[in-house]
Amino acid sequence: MEPEKIIIEPVLTEKTNLQRETGETRKYTFKVHSKANKSQVMKAVKDLFSVHPVSCNVAIVKRKPRMSRSKSGMRVGYKAPWKKAIVTLRKGERIEAFEG
């Protein structure tokens, strides 16, 4: 798989911003392709951002229920499940796209 297809988008929340800013090693969180594994994610980060990842943790975020109101009543649906990867970089390295 190509690196552009493995990493879909960064996950930017308060929790991920704290992980990225605190501590000696920096941790970046990405939404990744559902069939990608740890080694593919680490290689894609290395190729796309020119950094050296040390480790990678992968988790599947389960689907969540969503409700909406309409004229015909309540509609119940689900948000799709997705896979996220938390990549730890070498000490002193950072991804400039996130910082600026």
C-alpha atoms as a PDB file:
ATOM      1  CA  MET A   1       0.000   0.000   0.000  1.00  0.00           C
ATOM      2  CA  GLU A   2       1.135   3.553  -0.643  1.00  0.00           C
ATOM      3  CA  PRO A   3       1.918   5.853   2.321  1.00  0.00           C
ATOM      4  CA  GLU A   4      -0.718   8.375   1.200  1.00  0.00           C
ATOM      5  CA  LYS A   5      -3.403   5.690   1.388  1.00  0.00           C
ATOM      6  CA  ILE A   6      -2.291   4.318   4.762  1.00  0.00           C
ATOM      7  CA  ILE A   7      -2.449   7.594   6.707  1.00  0.00           C
ATOM      8  CA  ILE A   8      -5.850   9.185   6.141  1.00  0.00           C
ATOM      9  CA  GLU A   9      -5.748  12.211   8.469  1.00  0.00           C
ATOM     10  CA  PRO A  10      -4.344  13.387  11.809  1.00  0.00           C
ATOM     11  CA  VAL A  11      -6.539  13.254  14.889  1.00  0.00           C
ATOM     12  CA  LEU A  12      -6.476  16.676  16.573  1.00  0.00           C
ATOM     13  CA  THR A  13      -8.166  16.731  19.982  1.00  0.00           C
ATOM     14  CA  GLU A  14      -7.221  18.132  23.370  1.00  0.00           C
ATOM     15  CA  LYS A  15      -5.908  14.750  24.497  1.00  0.00           C
ATOM     16  CA  THR A  16      -3.747  14.223  21.398  1.00  0.00           C
ATOM     17  CA  ASN A  17      -2.410  17.784  21.631  1.00  0.00           C
ATOM     18  CA  LEU A  18      -1.265  17.112  25.221  1.00  0.00           C
ATOM     19  CA  GLN A  19       0.431  13.876  24.152  1.00  0.00           C
ATOM     20  CA  ARG A  20       2.216  15.732  21.392  1.00  0.00           C
ATOM     21  CA  GLU A  21       3.389  18.657  23.534  1.00  0.00           C
ATOM     22  CA  THR A  22       4.359  17.047  26.862  1.00  0.00           C
ATOM     23  CA  GLY A  23       7.185  14.683  27.670  1.00  0.00           C
ATOM     24  CA  GLU A  24      10.536  14.031  26.053  1.00  0.00           C
ATOM     25  CA  THR A  25       9.165  11.810  23.293  1.00  0.00           C
ATOM     26  CA  ARG A  26       6.368  13.088  21.119  1.00  0.00           C
ATOM     27  CA  LYS A  27       3.292  11.021  20.264  1.00  0.00           C
ATOM     28  CA  TYR A  28       1.222  11.755  17.162  1.00  0.00           C
ATOM     29  CA  THR A  29      -2.206  10.249  16.476  1.00  0.00           C
ATOM     30  CA  PHE A  30      -3.471   9.423  12.981  1.00  0.00           C
ATOM     31  CA  LYS A  31      -6.597   7.941  11.435  1.00  0.00           C
ATOM     32  CA  VAL A  32      -5.270   5.064   9.313  1.00  0.00           C
ATOM     33  CA  HIS A  33      -6.529   2.563   6.742  1.00  0.00           C
ATOM     34  CA  SER A  34      -8.461  -0.282   8.330  1.00  0.00           C
ATOM     35  CA  LYS A  35      -6.163  -2.984   6.878  1.00  0.00           C
ATOM     36  CA  ALA A  36      -2.851  -1.287   7.759  1.00  0.00           C
ATOM     37  CA  ASN A  37      -0.617  -2.851  10.403  1.00  0.00           C
ATOM     38  CA  LYS A  38       1.976  -1.307  12.746  1.00  0.00           C
ATOM     39  CA  SER A  39       4.979  -1.743  10.486  1.00  0.00           C
ATOM     40  CA  GLN A  40       3.143  -0.244   7.498  1.00  0.00           C
ATOM     41  CA  VAL A  41       2.069   2.769   9.576  1.00  0.00           C
ATOM     42  CA  MET A  42       5.607   3.355  10.861  1.00  0.00           C
ATOM     43  CA  LYS A  43       7.041   3.135   7.338  1.00  0.00           C
ATOM     44  CA  ALA A  44       4.386   5.552   6.021  1.00  0.00           C
ATOM     45  CA  VAL A  45       5.158   8.114   8.752  1.00  0.00           C
ATOM     46  CA  LYS A  46       8.862   7.797   8.027  1.00  0.00           C
ATOM     47  CA  ASP A  47       8.328   8.311   4.277  1.00  0.00           C
ATOM     48  CA  LEU A  48       5.781  11.140   4.480  1.00  0.00           C
ATOM     49  CA  PHE A  49       7.250  13.258   7.286  1.00  0.00           C
ATOM     50  CA  SER A  50      10.991  12.334   7.203  1.00  0.00           C
ATOM     51  CA  VAL A  51      11.139  11.373  10.900  1.00  0.00           C
ATOM     52  CA  HIS A  52      12.179   8.202  12.742  1.00  0.00           C
ATOM     53  CA  PRO A  53       9.287   6.497  14.587  1.00  0.00           C
ATOM     54  CA  VAL A  54      10.250   4.397  17.605  1.00  0.00           C
ATOM     55  CA  SER A  55       6.971   2.610  18.294  1.00  0.00           C
ATOM     56  CA  CYS A  56       3.364   2.451  17.159  1.00  0.00           C
ATOM     57  CA  ASN A  57       0.174   1.493  18.983  1.00  0.00           C
ATOM     58  CA  VAL A  58      -2.907   0.638  16.932  1.00  0.00           C
ATOM     59  CA  ALA A  59      -6.526   0.565  18.142  1.00  0.00           C
ATOM     60  CA  ILE A  60      -9.908   0.168  16.518  1.00  0.00           C
ATOM     61  CA  VAL A  61     -12.427   2.820  17.586  1.00  0.00           C
ATOM     62  CA  LYS A  62     -15.840   1.170  17.841  1.00  0.00           C
ATOM     63  CA  ARG A  63     -18.949   2.520  16.160  1.00  0.00           C
ATOM     64  CA  LYS A  64     -21.062   4.977  18.138  1.00  0.00           C
ATOM     65  CA  PRO A  65     -24.823   5.503  17.950  1.00  0.00           C
ATOM     66  CA  ARG A  66     -26.124   8.732  16.440  1.00  0.00           C
ATOM     67  CA  MET A  67     -29.679  10.037  16.658  1.00  0.00           C
ATOM     68  CA  SER A  68     -31.389  12.773  14.701  1.00  0.00           C
ATOM     69  CA  ARG A  69     -34.866  14.211  14.677  1.00  0.00           C
ATOM     70  CA  SER A  70     -36.997  14.542  11.591  1.00  0.00           C
ATOM     71  CA  LYS A  71     -40.646  15.105  10.746  1.00  0.00           C
ATOM     72  CA  SER A  72     -41.264  11.386  10.788  1.00  0.00           C
ATOM     73  CA  GLY A  73     -39.711  10.906  14.227  1.00  0.00           C
ATOM     74  CA  MET A  74     -36.365   9.846  15.631  1.00  0.00           C
ATOM     75  CA  ARG A  75     -33.856   8.289  13.266  1.00  0.00           C
ATOM     76  CA  VAL A  76     -31.201   6.060  14.767  1.00  0.00           C
ATOM     77  CA  GLY A  77     -27.952   5.331  12.985  1.00  0.00           C
ATOM     78  CA  TYR A  78     -24.314   4.623  13.702  1.00  0.00           C
ATOM     79  CA  LYS A  79     -21.035   6.362  13.065  1.00  0.00           C
ATOM     80  CA  ALA A  80     -18.647   4.046  11.222  1.00  0.00           C
ATOM     81  CA  PRO A  81     -15.813   2.307  13.116  1.00  0.00           C
ATOM     82  CA  TRP A  82     -12.246   3.401  12.279  1.00  0.00           C
ATOM     83  CA  LYS A  83      -8.652   2.539  13.124  1.00  0.00           C
ATOM     84  CA  LYS A  84      -6.246   4.900  14.852  1.00  0.00           C
ATOM     85  CA  ALA A  85      -2.499   4.728  15.320  1.00  0.00           C
ATOM     86  CA  ILE A  86      -0.434   6.481  17.994  1.00  0.00           C
ATOM     87  CA  VAL A  87       3.130   6.894  16.728  1.00  0.00           C
ATOM     88  CA  THR A  88       6.001   7.724  19.099  1.00  0.00           C
ATOM     89  CA  LEU A  89       8.954   9.566  17.600  1.00  0.00           C
ATOM     90  CA  ARG A  90      12.602   9.637  18.595  1.00  0.00           C
ATOM     91  CA  LYS A  91      13.651  12.057  21.328  1.00  0.00           C
ATOM     92  CA  GLY A  92      14.015  15.569  19.924  1.00  0.00           C
ATOM     93  CA  GLU A  93      12.137  14.920  16.659  1.00  0.00           C
ATOM     94  CA  ARG A  94       8.851  16.504  15.657  1.00  0.00           C
ATOM     95  CA  ILE A  95       6.563  16.829  12.657  1.00  0.00           C
ATOM     96  CA  GLU A  96       6.597  20.420  11.426  1.00  0.00           C
ATOM     97  CA  ALA A  97       3.157  20.197   9.787  1.00  0.00           C
ATOM     98  CA  PHE A  98       1.560  19.899  13.246  1.00  0.00           C
ATOM     99  CA  GLU A  99       3.628  22.607  14.920  1.00  0.00           C
ATOM    100  CA  GLY A 100       3.081  25.469  12.484  1.00  0.00           C
END
